[in-house]
Structure formats: structure tokens, C-alpha cells
Amino acid sequence: MMRTLILYIGILAGAACTQQREQLRSGDLLFQVGRESAMSGAIMAATGNDCELQFTHVGIAVIGSRADSVLEATSDGGVRMTVLSDFLNKSARLNGRPVSIAKRLKDTAGIAAAVARARTFLGQPYDYSFRPDNGKLYCSELVWESYLAPDGRRLFPAQPMNFRAADGSMPPFWNELFAKLGEEIPEGLPGTNPNDMSRDTLLTEVFRWF
């Protein structure tokens, strides 16, 4: 009986992986609710709203003939390529499944160029300052810099950044981070975040893991 159950679970897992691979394409944006950390908590407090999910991270799918990866900017490695399974392991869990969603541009004409452009940023350090044009990138900034309209404009709009929680208070994480950097908190400067980007009407959902 136990052997039959294990075999059944294995068949289901294999079917799910096949469905995932068939639906994902290079250039899909993978939005993630990260596991609880000081940074993800501060991001969620500042960019969350009444929607069901509050995304704290985004990466770019790179689907290969042998391995699937995610191009992402992370606080522990800068802009790098991460194996898809490792990316998903960093997600929060819902009923044991990673809380991550894949979305795709409705107009797919420029996606290949966007992925090629994103690759040129590999090795750049993480942008703890959250400021544009400083040779560093945070996760949604990588997407913002890579996905361009035919006329060179960025597809995803930058908005005045908010670092405050819903009650108007500043999470201690941001005060401590920018004190260490010796910089002012860039409240109100133009920027992006995964939560807003995930809800852009240019995108449509193609797969979810939970």
C-alpha cells in the first residue's frame, strides 16, 4: 500500500513539473512572496495593500534545453542566475507549495531582447540604496531596466517610492539600513516594487505553483 502511495505521489509530482515546463517561457516574470526576513517584512509593510498576495521579489525566467533558471537581483548575490528550483525554495509556502506566480507580457514581441538585455547586468551588485542609475540593481529595478518599448522607453512605470508602513511609521529595518549606508531614505524618489509591477495590465498570469 505504501509503495503504491509513493508511486502515485511521484506520478503527480512529475505531471506538475511537466505542466510547469510546458507553460513557462524565457522572459516570464516570476513574482514571489519571500520567506519571512527583516527585508521582506519591511518591503511587505511598505508596498502591501488589500490584495490577497503581497509580492516581495521578482525574477526573470530563463528556460533552457537542459536547465531552467531565474535571472534575479538578490541582496546576498547581486544580479545572478539561480536554478529555478532554488528560486522556488526561497518562497513562502501555502499548503506546502511555493507562493510564486509566473506572468507574461501580453505583447511578446520584445521579450527575447529584454532577456538579452537583462543578461548584460549579470555580476552587478545589489542596490541597497534603491536609487536609479548608480550601477547597482534591486530585483524590480532589473526588470525595469531590461523591459523596454520599441522607442526605448521603459515598459513598467516608475512611481514615487514609499518605505513607510500603512500606519505611516517607518519600519526599523529601513532606518537601520540607511543609517549604515550614511544616506537619506529615498522616500518619494522614482522607483519600482514587485507588488505594483505584478499588477500591471501589460501582464497576464500563465502559471502558479500553489
N, C-alpha and C. Protein backbone atom coordinates (compact mmCIF):
# COMPACT_ATOMS: atom_id res chain seq x y z
N MET A 1 0.84 -1.20 0.00
CA MET A 1 0.00 0.00 0.00
C MET A 1 0.88 1.26 0.00
N MET A 2 1.90 1.28 0.89
CA MET A 2 2.79 2.44 0.98
C MET A 2 3.56 2.62 -0.33
N ARG A 3 3.99 1.53 -0.93
CA ARG A 3 4.74 1.61 -2.18
C ARG A 3 3.86 2.20 -3.29
N THR A 4 2.59 1.81 -3.30
CA THR A 4 1.65 2.33 -4.29
C THR A 4 1.42 3.83 -4.09
N LEU A 5 1.33 4.24 -2.81
CA LEU A 5 1.11 5.65 -2.50
C LEU A 5 2.30 6.49 -2.95
N ILE A 6 3.52 6.01 -2.67
CA ILE A 6 4.73 6.73 -3.08
C ILE A 6 4.80 6.86 -4.60
N LEU A 7 4.44 5.80 -5.29
CA LEU A 7 4.44 5.81 -6.75
C LEU A 7 3.43 6.83 -7.27
N TYR A 8 2.26 6.88 -6.65
CA TYR A 8 1.21 7.82 -7.06
C TYR A 8 1.66 9.26 -6.86
N ILE A 9 2.29 9.53 -5.69
CA ILE A 9 2.79 10.88 -5.41
C ILE A 9 3.86 11.26 -6.44
N GLY A 10 4.73 10.30 -6.78
CA GLY A 10 5.77 10.57 -7.77
C GLY A 10 5.19 10.90 -9.13
N ILE A 11 4.13 10.21 -9.51
CA ILE A 11 3.47 10.48 -10.80
C ILE A 11 2.87 11.88 -10.80
N LEU A 12 2.21 12.26 -9.70
CA LEU A 12 1.62 13.59 -9.60
C LEU A 12 2.69 14.67 -9.67
N ALA A 13 3.81 14.47 -8.97
CA ALA A 13 4.88 15.46 -8.98
C ALA A 13 5.48 15.60 -10.37
N GLY A 14 5.65 14.47 -11.05
CA GLY A 14 6.19 14.50 -12.42
C GLY A 14 5.26 15.23 -13.36
N ALA A 15 3.95 15.00 -13.21
CA ALA A 15 2.97 15.68 -14.06
C ALA A 15 2.99 17.18 -13.83
N ALA A 16 3.12 17.59 -12.56
CA ALA A 16 3.16 19.02 -12.23
C ALA A 16 4.39 19.68 -12.84
N CYS A 17 5.55 19.00 -12.77
CA CYS A 17 6.78 19.56 -13.34
C CYS A 17 6.67 19.69 -14.85
N THR A 18 6.05 18.69 -15.50
CA THR A 18 5.88 18.75 -16.95
C THR A 18 4.97 19.90 -17.34
N GLN A 19 3.87 20.08 -16.59
CA GLN A 19 2.95 21.18 -16.87
C GLN A 19 3.65 22.52 -16.70
N GLN A 20 4.45 22.63 -15.63
CA GLN A 20 5.18 23.86 -15.36
C GLN A 20 6.11 24.18 -16.52
N ARG A 21 6.88 23.19 -16.96
CA ARG A 21 7.87 23.43 -18.01
C ARG A 21 7.21 23.79 -19.33
N GLU A 22 6.05 23.15 -19.63
CA GLU A 22 5.35 23.44 -20.88
C GLU A 22 4.80 24.86 -20.89
N GLN A 23 4.42 25.38 -19.71
CA GLN A 23 3.79 26.69 -19.67
C GLN A 23 4.79 27.83 -19.55
N LEU A 24 5.93 27.59 -18.90
CA LEU A 24 6.89 28.67 -18.72
C LEU A 24 7.68 28.92 -19.99
N ARG A 25 8.02 30.20 -20.22
CA ARG A 25 8.87 30.61 -21.33
C ARG A 25 9.92 31.58 -20.80
N SER A 26 11.04 31.64 -21.52
CA SER A 26 12.05 32.63 -21.16
C SER A 26 11.43 34.02 -21.24
N GLY A 27 11.73 34.84 -20.25
CA GLY A 27 11.20 36.19 -20.21
C GLY A 27 9.96 36.34 -19.36
N ASP A 28 9.35 35.21 -18.94
CA ASP A 28 8.25 35.31 -17.99
C ASP A 28 8.77 35.91 -16.69
N LEU A 29 7.95 36.70 -16.04
CA LEU A 29 8.33 37.30 -14.77
C LEU A 29 7.78 36.45 -13.63
N LEU A 30 8.65 36.07 -12.72
CA LEU A 30 8.27 35.21 -11.60
C LEU A 30 8.18 36.05 -10.34
N PHE A 31 6.95 36.24 -9.86
CA PHE A 31 6.69 37.05 -8.68
C PHE A 31 6.58 36.13 -7.47
N GLN A 32 7.20 36.53 -6.39
CA GLN A 32 7.36 35.65 -5.25
C GLN A 32 7.03 36.36 -3.94
N VAL A 33 6.31 35.65 -3.07
CA VAL A 33 6.19 36.07 -1.68
C VAL A 33 7.33 35.37 -0.94
N GLY A 34 8.31 36.15 -0.50
CA GLY A 34 9.51 35.55 0.10
C GLY A 34 9.27 35.02 1.49
N ARG A 35 10.16 34.12 1.90
CA ARG A 35 10.12 33.65 3.29
C ARG A 35 10.37 34.83 4.21
N GLU A 36 9.88 34.74 5.41
CA GLU A 36 9.95 35.88 6.33
C GLU A 36 11.39 36.25 6.65
N SER A 37 11.72 37.52 6.45
CA SER A 37 13.02 38.07 6.82
C SER A 37 12.80 39.54 7.15
N ALA A 38 13.82 40.19 7.69
CA ALA A 38 13.68 41.61 8.02
C ALA A 38 13.40 42.43 6.77
N MET A 39 14.12 42.13 5.68
CA MET A 39 13.92 42.90 4.46
C MET A 39 12.57 42.62 3.85
N SER A 40 12.18 41.35 3.71
CA SER A 40 10.89 41.04 3.09
C SER A 40 9.75 41.61 3.92
N GLY A 41 9.91 41.59 5.24
CA GLY A 41 8.87 42.17 6.10
C GLY A 41 8.74 43.66 5.89
N ALA A 42 9.87 44.35 5.75
CA ALA A 42 9.84 45.80 5.53
C ALA A 42 9.26 46.14 4.17
N ILE A 43 9.61 45.34 3.16
CA ILE A 43 9.05 45.56 1.82
C ILE A 43 7.55 45.34 1.83
N MET A 44 7.12 44.27 2.49
CA MET A 44 5.70 43.97 2.53
C MET A 44 4.92 45.06 3.27
N ALA A 45 5.50 45.57 4.34
CA ALA A 45 4.83 46.63 5.12
C ALA A 45 4.68 47.89 4.30
N ALA A 46 5.67 48.17 3.44
CA ALA A 46 5.66 49.42 2.67
C ALA A 46 4.87 49.34 1.38
N THR A 47 4.81 48.15 0.77
CA THR A 47 4.19 48.04 -0.56
C THR A 47 2.94 47.18 -0.57
N GLY A 48 2.58 46.59 0.56
CA GLY A 48 1.38 45.76 0.60
C GLY A 48 0.12 46.58 0.51
N ASN A 49 -0.96 45.88 0.18
CA ASN A 49 -2.27 46.53 0.13
C ASN A 49 -3.32 45.50 0.50
N ASP A 50 -4.54 45.72 0.10
CA ASP A 50 -5.61 44.82 0.49
C ASP A 50 -5.72 43.58 -0.40
N CYS A 51 -4.84 43.46 -1.40
CA CYS A 51 -4.90 42.31 -2.29
C CYS A 51 -4.47 41.06 -1.53
N GLU A 52 -4.82 39.92 -2.08
CA GLU A 52 -4.57 38.65 -1.40
C GLU A 52 -3.09 38.39 -1.20
N LEU A 53 -2.28 38.64 -2.23
CA LEU A 53 -0.85 38.37 -2.16
C LEU A 53 -0.06 39.67 -2.13
N GLN A 54 1.05 39.64 -1.42
CA GLN A 54 1.93 40.80 -1.35
C GLN A 54 3.33 40.34 -1.73
N PHE A 55 3.70 40.55 -2.99
CA PHE A 55 4.96 40.05 -3.51
C PHE A 55 6.13 40.90 -3.02
N THR A 56 7.21 40.22 -2.66
CA THR A 56 8.40 40.92 -2.17
C THR A 56 9.60 40.72 -3.10
N HIS A 57 9.46 39.92 -4.15
CA HIS A 57 10.60 39.64 -5.03
C HIS A 57 10.10 39.29 -6.43
N VAL A 58 10.93 39.57 -7.43
CA VAL A 58 10.61 39.22 -8.81
C VAL A 58 11.90 38.83 -9.52
N GLY A 59 11.80 37.83 -10.39
CA GLY A 59 12.93 37.41 -11.22
C GLY A 59 12.45 37.15 -12.63
N ILE A 60 13.39 36.89 -13.53
CA ILE A 60 13.10 36.67 -14.95
C ILE A 60 13.42 35.22 -15.30
N ALA A 61 12.44 34.49 -15.79
CA ALA A 61 12.64 33.08 -16.15
C ALA A 61 13.55 32.97 -17.37
N VAL A 62 14.48 32.01 -17.30
CA VAL A 62 15.33 31.68 -18.44
C VAL A 62 15.22 30.17 -18.62
N ILE A 63 14.42 29.76 -19.60
CA ILE A 63 14.13 28.35 -19.81
C ILE A 63 15.13 27.78 -20.82
N GLY A 64 15.94 26.81 -20.38
CA GLY A 64 16.97 26.23 -21.23
C GLY A 64 16.65 24.83 -21.66
N SER A 65 17.45 24.31 -22.57
CA SER A 65 17.22 22.94 -23.07
C SER A 65 17.54 21.90 -22.00
N ARG A 66 18.43 22.24 -21.05
CA ARG A 66 18.83 21.28 -20.02
C ARG A 66 18.45 21.72 -18.61
N ALA A 67 18.42 23.03 -18.35
CA ALA A 67 18.12 23.50 -17.01
C ALA A 67 17.34 24.80 -17.09
N ASP A 68 16.40 24.97 -16.18
CA ASP A 68 15.61 26.19 -16.09
C ASP A 68 16.18 27.04 -14.96
N SER A 69 16.32 28.34 -15.23
CA SER A 69 16.93 29.23 -14.27
C SER A 69 16.13 30.51 -14.13
N VAL A 70 16.55 31.35 -13.20
CA VAL A 70 15.92 32.65 -12.97
C VAL A 70 17.02 33.71 -12.88
N LEU A 71 16.91 34.73 -13.69
CA LEU A 71 17.81 35.88 -13.61
C LEU A 71 17.22 36.82 -12.56
N GLU A 72 17.98 37.10 -11.51
CA GLU A 72 17.42 37.88 -10.42
C GLU A 72 18.50 38.74 -9.77
N ALA A 73 18.07 39.78 -9.08
CA ALA A 73 18.95 40.59 -8.27
C ALA A 73 18.61 40.32 -6.81
N THR A 74 19.57 39.80 -6.06
CA THR A 74 19.33 39.41 -4.67
C THR A 74 20.28 40.12 -3.73
N SER A 75 19.83 40.30 -2.50
CA SER A 75 20.65 41.01 -1.52
C SER A 75 21.88 40.21 -1.10
N ASP A 76 21.89 38.90 -1.39
CA ASP A 76 23.05 38.09 -1.00
C ASP A 76 23.91 37.68 -2.18
N GLY A 77 23.65 38.27 -3.37
CA GLY A 77 24.48 37.86 -4.50
C GLY A 77 24.47 38.82 -5.67
N GLY A 78 23.74 39.92 -5.57
CA GLY A 78 23.65 40.84 -6.70
C GLY A 78 22.89 40.21 -7.85
N VAL A 79 23.17 40.64 -9.07
CA VAL A 79 22.48 40.10 -10.25
C VAL A 79 23.14 38.78 -10.64
N ARG A 80 22.37 37.73 -10.60
CA ARG A 80 22.91 36.40 -10.84
C ARG A 80 21.87 35.50 -11.47
N MET A 81 22.33 34.32 -11.92
CA MET A 81 21.45 33.30 -12.44
C MET A 81 21.26 32.24 -11.36
N THR A 82 20.01 31.94 -11.05
CA THR A 82 19.68 30.98 -9.99
C THR A 82 18.87 29.84 -10.58
N VAL A 83 19.19 28.62 -10.21
CA VAL A 83 18.40 27.47 -10.65
C VAL A 83 16.96 27.66 -10.19
N LEU A 84 16.00 27.37 -11.08
CA LEU A 84 14.59 27.62 -10.77
C LEU A 84 14.16 26.96 -9.47
N SER A 85 14.57 25.72 -9.24
CA SER A 85 14.15 25.03 -8.01
C SER A 85 14.67 25.75 -6.76
N ASP A 86 15.88 26.32 -6.85
CA ASP A 86 16.43 27.07 -5.72
C ASP A 86 15.66 28.38 -5.51
N PHE A 87 15.27 29.02 -6.61
CA PHE A 87 14.45 30.23 -6.53
C PHE A 87 13.14 29.93 -5.80
N LEU A 88 12.49 28.84 -6.20
CA LEU A 88 11.21 28.48 -5.59
C LEU A 88 11.36 28.10 -4.12
N ASN A 89 12.51 27.55 -3.77
CA ASN A 89 12.74 27.17 -2.37
C ASN A 89 12.80 28.38 -1.44
N LYS A 90 13.02 29.57 -2.02
CA LYS A 90 13.07 30.79 -1.20
C LYS A 90 11.68 31.38 -0.97
N SER A 91 10.65 30.76 -1.57
CA SER A 91 9.29 31.27 -1.44
C SER A 91 8.68 30.89 -0.09
N ALA A 92 7.75 31.73 0.34
CA ALA A 92 6.87 31.32 1.43
C ALA A 92 6.05 30.13 0.94
N ARG A 93 5.42 29.41 1.84
CA ARG A 93 4.68 28.21 1.47
C ARG A 93 3.20 28.36 1.78
N LEU A 94 2.37 27.80 0.91
CA LEU A 94 0.94 27.71 1.12
C LEU A 94 0.54 26.27 0.86
N ASN A 95 0.12 25.57 1.89
CA ASN A 95 -0.17 24.13 1.78
C ASN A 95 1.03 23.38 1.22
N GLY A 96 2.22 23.81 1.63
CA GLY A 96 3.43 23.12 1.22
C GLY A 96 3.98 23.51 -0.14
N ARG A 97 3.30 24.38 -0.84
CA ARG A 97 3.73 24.78 -2.18
C ARG A 97 4.28 26.20 -2.18
N PRO A 98 5.27 26.49 -3.05
CA PRO A 98 5.86 27.83 -3.09
C PRO A 98 4.87 28.88 -3.59
N VAL A 99 4.80 30.00 -2.88
CA VAL A 99 3.88 31.07 -3.26
C VAL A 99 4.58 31.95 -4.30
N SER A 100 4.56 31.48 -5.53
CA SER A 100 5.16 32.17 -6.66
C SER A 100 4.23 32.07 -7.86
N ILE A 101 4.23 33.11 -8.68
CA ILE A 101 3.36 33.19 -9.85
C ILE A 101 4.18 33.62 -11.05
N ALA A 102 3.94 33.02 -12.19
CA ALA A 102 4.58 33.42 -13.45
C ALA A 102 3.62 34.27 -14.26
N LYS A 103 4.09 35.43 -14.69
CA LYS A 103 3.29 36.30 -15.55
C LYS A 103 4.09 36.63 -16.81
N ARG A 104 3.35 36.90 -17.89
CA ARG A 104 3.98 37.13 -19.20
C ARG A 104 3.42 38.40 -19.82
N LEU A 105 4.26 39.12 -20.55
CA LEU A 105 3.77 40.26 -21.30
C LEU A 105 2.75 39.81 -22.33
N LYS A 106 1.65 40.53 -22.43
CA LYS A 106 0.65 40.19 -23.44
C LYS A 106 1.20 40.39 -24.85
N ASP A 107 2.03 41.40 -25.03
CA ASP A 107 2.73 41.63 -26.29
C ASP A 107 4.13 41.03 -26.14
N THR A 108 4.37 39.89 -26.78
CA THR A 108 5.61 39.14 -26.56
C THR A 108 6.74 39.53 -27.51
N ALA A 109 6.52 40.54 -28.35
CA ALA A 109 7.48 40.85 -29.41
C ALA A 109 8.87 41.19 -28.87
N GLY A 110 8.94 41.89 -27.75
CA GLY A 110 10.25 42.34 -27.27
C GLY A 110 10.84 41.52 -26.15
N ILE A 111 10.28 40.36 -25.85
CA ILE A 111 10.72 39.60 -24.69
C ILE A 111 12.15 39.07 -24.86
N ALA A 112 12.47 38.52 -26.03
CA ALA A 112 13.81 37.97 -26.24
C ALA A 112 14.87 39.06 -26.05
N ALA A 113 14.61 40.25 -26.56
CA ALA A 113 15.55 41.36 -26.39
C ALA A 113 15.68 41.75 -24.93
N ALA A 114 14.57 41.67 -24.18
CA ALA A 114 14.59 42.01 -22.76
C ALA A 114 15.47 41.04 -21.98
N VAL A 115 15.35 39.75 -22.29
CA VAL A 115 16.17 38.75 -21.60
C VAL A 115 17.64 38.96 -21.93
N ALA A 116 17.94 39.24 -23.21
CA ALA A 116 19.32 39.51 -23.61
C ALA A 116 19.87 40.73 -22.88
N ARG A 117 19.04 41.75 -22.73
CA ARG A 117 19.46 42.96 -22.03
C ARG A 117 19.69 42.67 -20.54
N ALA A 118 18.82 41.87 -19.95
CA ALA A 118 18.96 41.52 -18.54
C ALA A 118 20.27 40.76 -18.29
N ARG A 119 20.67 39.93 -19.23
CA ARG A 119 21.92 39.17 -19.07
C ARG A 119 23.14 40.10 -18.98
N THR A 120 23.07 41.25 -19.62
CA THR A 120 24.22 42.16 -19.59
C THR A 120 24.46 42.73 -18.19
N PHE A 121 23.48 42.60 -17.31
CA PHE A 121 23.62 43.12 -15.95
C PHE A 121 24.19 42.09 -14.97
N LEU A 122 24.42 40.86 -15.44
CA LEU A 122 24.95 39.82 -14.56
C LEU A 122 26.24 40.31 -13.88
N GLY A 123 26.32 40.10 -12.59
CA GLY A 123 27.50 40.50 -11.83
C GLY A 123 27.39 41.85 -11.17
N GLN A 124 26.37 42.65 -11.54
CA GLN A 124 26.22 43.94 -10.87
C GLN A 124 25.79 43.73 -9.41
N PRO A 125 26.25 44.57 -8.50
CA PRO A 125 25.89 44.41 -7.08
C PRO A 125 24.45 44.81 -6.81
N TYR A 126 23.96 44.35 -5.67
CA TYR A 126 22.60 44.67 -5.25
C TYR A 126 22.51 46.13 -4.84
N ASP A 127 21.39 46.76 -5.18
CA ASP A 127 21.20 48.18 -4.89
C ASP A 127 20.49 48.39 -3.56
N TYR A 128 21.26 48.40 -2.48
CA TYR A 128 20.68 48.65 -1.16
C TYR A 128 20.18 50.08 -1.03
N SER A 129 20.67 50.97 -1.89
CA SER A 129 20.27 52.38 -1.81
C SER A 129 18.94 52.63 -2.48
N PHE A 130 18.49 51.71 -3.34
CA PHE A 130 17.22 51.84 -4.06
C PHE A 130 17.16 53.15 -4.86
N ARG A 131 18.31 53.50 -5.47
CA ARG A 131 18.37 54.71 -6.27
C ARG A 131 18.68 54.34 -7.72
N PRO A 132 18.11 55.07 -8.69
CA PRO A 132 18.35 54.74 -10.09
C PRO A 132 19.74 55.17 -10.56
N ASP A 133 20.21 54.50 -11.61
CA ASP A 133 21.42 54.92 -12.33
C ASP A 133 22.65 55.03 -11.43
N ASN A 134 22.84 54.04 -10.55
CA ASN A 134 24.02 54.07 -9.69
C ASN A 134 24.90 52.83 -9.88
N GLY A 135 24.67 52.09 -10.99
CA GLY A 135 25.48 50.91 -11.26
C GLY A 135 25.14 49.71 -10.40
N LYS A 136 24.03 49.80 -9.68
CA LYS A 136 23.56 48.70 -8.84
C LYS A 136 22.08 48.48 -9.14
N LEU A 137 21.58 47.28 -8.83
CA LEU A 137 20.19 46.96 -9.16
C LEU A 137 19.52 46.18 -8.04
N TYR A 138 18.27 46.54 -7.70
CA TYR A 138 17.44 45.69 -6.86
C TYR A 138 16.50 44.90 -7.78
N CYS A 139 15.71 43.99 -7.25
CA CYS A 139 15.03 42.99 -8.08
C CYS A 139 14.13 43.59 -9.15
N SER A 140 13.20 44.46 -8.77
CA SER A 140 12.29 45.00 -9.78
C SER A 140 12.98 46.05 -10.65
N GLU A 141 14.08 46.62 -10.15
CA GLU A 141 14.86 47.57 -10.96
C GLU A 141 15.52 46.83 -12.13
N LEU A 142 15.94 45.60 -11.92
CA LEU A 142 16.50 44.78 -13.00
C LEU A 142 15.48 44.60 -14.12
N VAL A 143 14.23 44.32 -13.75
CA VAL A 143 13.15 44.17 -14.74
C VAL A 143 12.88 45.51 -15.41
N TRP A 144 12.82 46.57 -14.63
CA TRP A 144 12.54 47.91 -15.12
C TRP A 144 13.58 48.34 -16.17
N GLU A 145 14.85 48.02 -15.92
CA GLU A 145 15.92 48.38 -16.85
C GLU A 145 15.93 47.50 -18.10
N SER A 146 15.40 46.30 -18.00
CA SER A 146 15.53 45.32 -19.08
C SER A 146 14.38 45.33 -20.07
N TYR A 147 13.17 45.63 -19.62
CA TYR A 147 11.99 45.54 -20.49
C TYR A 147 11.66 46.92 -21.04
N LEU A 148 11.94 47.09 -22.34
CA LEU A 148 11.78 48.39 -22.98
C LEU A 148 10.78 48.33 -24.12
N ALA A 149 10.11 49.46 -24.37
CA ALA A 149 9.24 49.61 -25.53
C ALA A 149 10.11 49.80 -26.78
N PRO A 150 9.53 49.65 -27.98
CA PRO A 150 10.32 49.83 -29.22
C PRO A 150 11.02 51.18 -29.30
N ASP A 151 10.45 52.21 -28.69
CA ASP A 151 11.08 53.54 -28.75
C ASP A 151 12.10 53.77 -27.64
N GLY A 152 12.38 52.72 -26.85
CA GLY A 152 13.39 52.82 -25.81
C GLY A 152 12.86 53.18 -24.44
N ARG A 153 11.59 53.53 -24.35
CA ARG A 153 11.00 53.83 -23.04
C ARG A 153 10.88 52.55 -22.22
N ARG A 154 10.97 52.68 -20.91
CA ARG A 154 10.78 51.51 -20.04
C ARG A 154 9.31 51.15 -20.00
N LEU A 155 9.03 49.85 -20.11
CA LEU A 155 7.65 49.39 -20.17
C LEU A 155 6.91 49.62 -18.85
N PHE A 156 7.61 49.37 -17.75
CA PHE A 156 6.96 49.46 -16.44
C PHE A 156 7.23 50.83 -15.82
N PRO A 157 6.20 51.55 -15.45
CA PRO A 157 6.40 52.91 -14.94
C PRO A 157 7.02 52.93 -13.55
N ALA A 158 7.88 53.91 -13.34
CA ALA A 158 8.40 54.16 -12.00
C ALA A 158 7.42 55.06 -11.26
N GLN A 159 7.29 54.83 -9.98
CA GLN A 159 6.38 55.59 -9.12
C GLN A 159 7.16 56.15 -7.94
N PRO A 160 6.67 57.21 -7.31
CA PRO A 160 7.33 57.68 -6.08
C PRO A 160 7.39 56.56 -5.05
N MET A 161 8.57 56.28 -4.56
CA MET A 161 8.74 55.16 -3.64
C MET A 161 8.22 55.50 -2.25
N ASN A 162 7.65 54.48 -1.62
CA ASN A 162 7.16 54.60 -0.25
C ASN A 162 7.83 53.54 0.61
N PHE A 163 8.45 53.94 1.68
CA PHE A 163 9.09 53.00 2.59
C PHE A 163 8.32 52.87 3.91
N ARG A 164 7.25 53.63 4.04
CA ARG A 164 6.50 53.64 5.29
C ARG A 164 5.45 52.53 5.33
N ALA A 165 5.15 52.07 6.51
CA ALA A 165 4.08 51.10 6.71
C ALA A 165 2.74 51.79 6.56
N ALA A 166 1.67 51.00 6.55
CA ALA A 166 0.32 51.55 6.33
C ALA A 166 -0.07 52.58 7.38
N ASP A 167 0.48 52.47 8.59
CA ASP A 167 0.14 53.41 9.65
C ASP A 167 1.01 54.67 9.63
N GLY A 168 1.87 54.78 8.61
CA GLY A 168 2.71 55.96 8.47
C GLY A 168 4.06 55.86 9.15
N SER A 169 4.28 54.80 9.92
CA SER A 169 5.56 54.64 10.62
C SER A 169 6.62 54.09 9.66
N MET A 170 7.87 54.33 10.00
CA MET A 170 8.99 53.82 9.21
C MET A 170 9.51 52.54 9.87
N PRO A 171 9.44 51.40 9.19
CA PRO A 171 9.95 50.16 9.79
C PRO A 171 11.41 50.31 10.21
N PRO A 172 11.77 49.79 11.37
CA PRO A 172 13.15 49.92 11.87
C PRO A 172 14.20 49.44 10.88
N PHE A 173 13.85 48.43 10.06
CA PHE A 173 14.82 47.90 9.10
C PHE A 173 15.36 49.00 8.21
N TRP A 174 14.45 49.87 7.70
CA TRP A 174 14.90 50.92 6.77
C TRP A 174 15.74 51.96 7.51
N ASN A 175 15.34 52.34 8.70
CA ASN A 175 16.14 53.31 9.47
C ASN A 175 17.55 52.78 9.71
N GLU A 176 17.66 51.52 10.08
CA GLU A 176 18.96 50.93 10.37
C GLU A 176 19.79 50.77 9.10
N LEU A 177 19.15 50.33 8.00
CA LEU A 177 19.89 50.12 6.75
C LEU A 177 20.49 51.42 6.23
N PHE A 178 19.67 52.46 6.14
CA PHE A 178 20.16 53.70 5.55
C PHE A 178 21.09 54.45 6.50
N ALA A 179 20.97 54.22 7.81
CA ALA A 179 21.93 54.79 8.76
C ALA A 179 23.31 54.18 8.51
N LYS A 180 23.34 52.86 8.26
CA LYS A 180 24.61 52.18 7.97
C LYS A 180 25.21 52.68 6.66
N LEU A 181 24.34 52.95 5.67
CA LEU A 181 24.81 53.43 4.37
C LEU A 181 25.23 54.90 4.43
N GLY A 182 24.78 55.60 5.47
CA GLY A 182 25.07 57.03 5.56
C GLY A 182 24.28 57.83 4.55
N GLU A 183 23.07 57.37 4.24
CA GLU A 183 22.24 58.01 3.22
C GLU A 183 20.86 58.31 3.79
N GLU A 184 20.19 59.26 3.17
CA GLU A 184 18.80 59.53 3.48
C GLU A 184 17.92 58.43 2.88
N ILE A 185 16.84 58.08 3.53
CA ILE A 185 15.87 57.14 2.95
C ILE A 185 15.28 57.80 1.70
N PRO A 186 15.30 57.13 0.55
CA PRO A 186 14.87 57.77 -0.71
C PRO A 186 13.34 57.82 -0.86
N GLU A 187 12.68 58.20 0.19
CA GLU A 187 11.21 58.34 0.18
C GLU A 187 10.81 59.34 -0.90
N GLY A 188 9.91 58.92 -1.79
CA GLY A 188 9.40 59.81 -2.82
C GLY A 188 10.19 59.82 -4.11
N LEU A 189 11.40 59.26 -4.12
CA LEU A 189 12.15 59.18 -5.37
C LEU A 189 11.51 58.14 -6.28
N PRO A 190 11.66 58.27 -7.61
CA PRO A 190 11.05 57.29 -8.52
C PRO A 190 11.68 55.91 -8.37
N GLY A 191 10.85 54.91 -8.37
CA GLY A 191 11.33 53.54 -8.25
C GLY A 191 10.22 52.55 -8.54
N THR A 192 10.50 51.28 -8.33
CA THR A 192 9.54 50.21 -8.60
C THR A 192 9.52 49.24 -7.43
N ASN A 193 8.51 48.39 -7.40
CA ASN A 193 8.48 47.30 -6.43
C ASN A 193 7.72 46.13 -7.04
N PRO A 194 8.02 44.91 -6.61
CA PRO A 194 7.38 43.72 -7.20
C PRO A 194 5.86 43.73 -7.10
N ASN A 195 5.33 44.23 -6.00
CA ASN A 195 3.89 44.20 -5.79
C ASN A 195 3.14 45.00 -6.85
N ASP A 196 3.59 46.25 -7.06
CA ASP A 196 2.94 47.08 -8.08
C ASP A 196 3.15 46.51 -9.48
N MET A 197 4.38 46.07 -9.75
CA MET A 197 4.71 45.55 -11.08
C MET A 197 3.85 44.33 -11.42
N SER A 198 3.58 43.49 -10.44
CA SER A 198 2.82 42.26 -10.69
C SER A 198 1.40 42.55 -11.15
N ARG A 199 0.90 43.74 -10.82
CA ARG A 199 -0.49 44.08 -11.14
C ARG A 199 -0.62 44.98 -12.37
N ASP A 200 0.50 45.13 -13.10
CA ASP A 200 0.46 45.94 -14.31
C ASP A 200 -0.40 45.24 -15.36
N THR A 201 -1.23 46.01 -16.05
CA THR A 201 -2.15 45.44 -17.05
C THR A 201 -1.43 44.93 -18.29
N LEU A 202 -0.11 45.19 -18.42
CA LEU A 202 0.65 44.64 -19.53
C LEU A 202 0.86 43.14 -19.38
N LEU A 203 0.64 42.62 -18.16
CA LEU A 203 0.96 41.23 -17.86
C LEU A 203 -0.29 40.38 -17.73
N THR A 204 -0.11 39.08 -18.01
CA THR A 204 -1.17 38.10 -17.78
C THR A 204 -0.56 36.89 -17.09
N GLU A 205 -1.28 36.31 -16.15
CA GLU A 205 -0.76 35.14 -15.42
C GLU A 205 -0.77 33.91 -16.32
N VAL A 206 0.33 33.13 -16.25
CA VAL A 206 0.43 31.91 -17.05
C VAL A 206 0.61 30.66 -16.19
N PHE A 207 1.08 30.82 -14.94
CA PHE A 207 1.28 29.63 -14.10
C PHE A 207 1.42 30.08 -12.65
N ARG A 208 0.94 29.23 -11.74
CA ARG A 208 1.20 29.44 -10.32
C ARG A 208 1.53 28.10 -9.70
N TRP A 209 2.38 28.14 -8.69
CA TRP A 209 2.87 26.91 -8.08
C TRP A 209 2.06 26.48 -6.85
N PHE A 210 1.06 27.20 -6.46
CA PHE A 210 0.29 26.87 -5.25
C PHE A 210 -1.19 26.77 -5.55
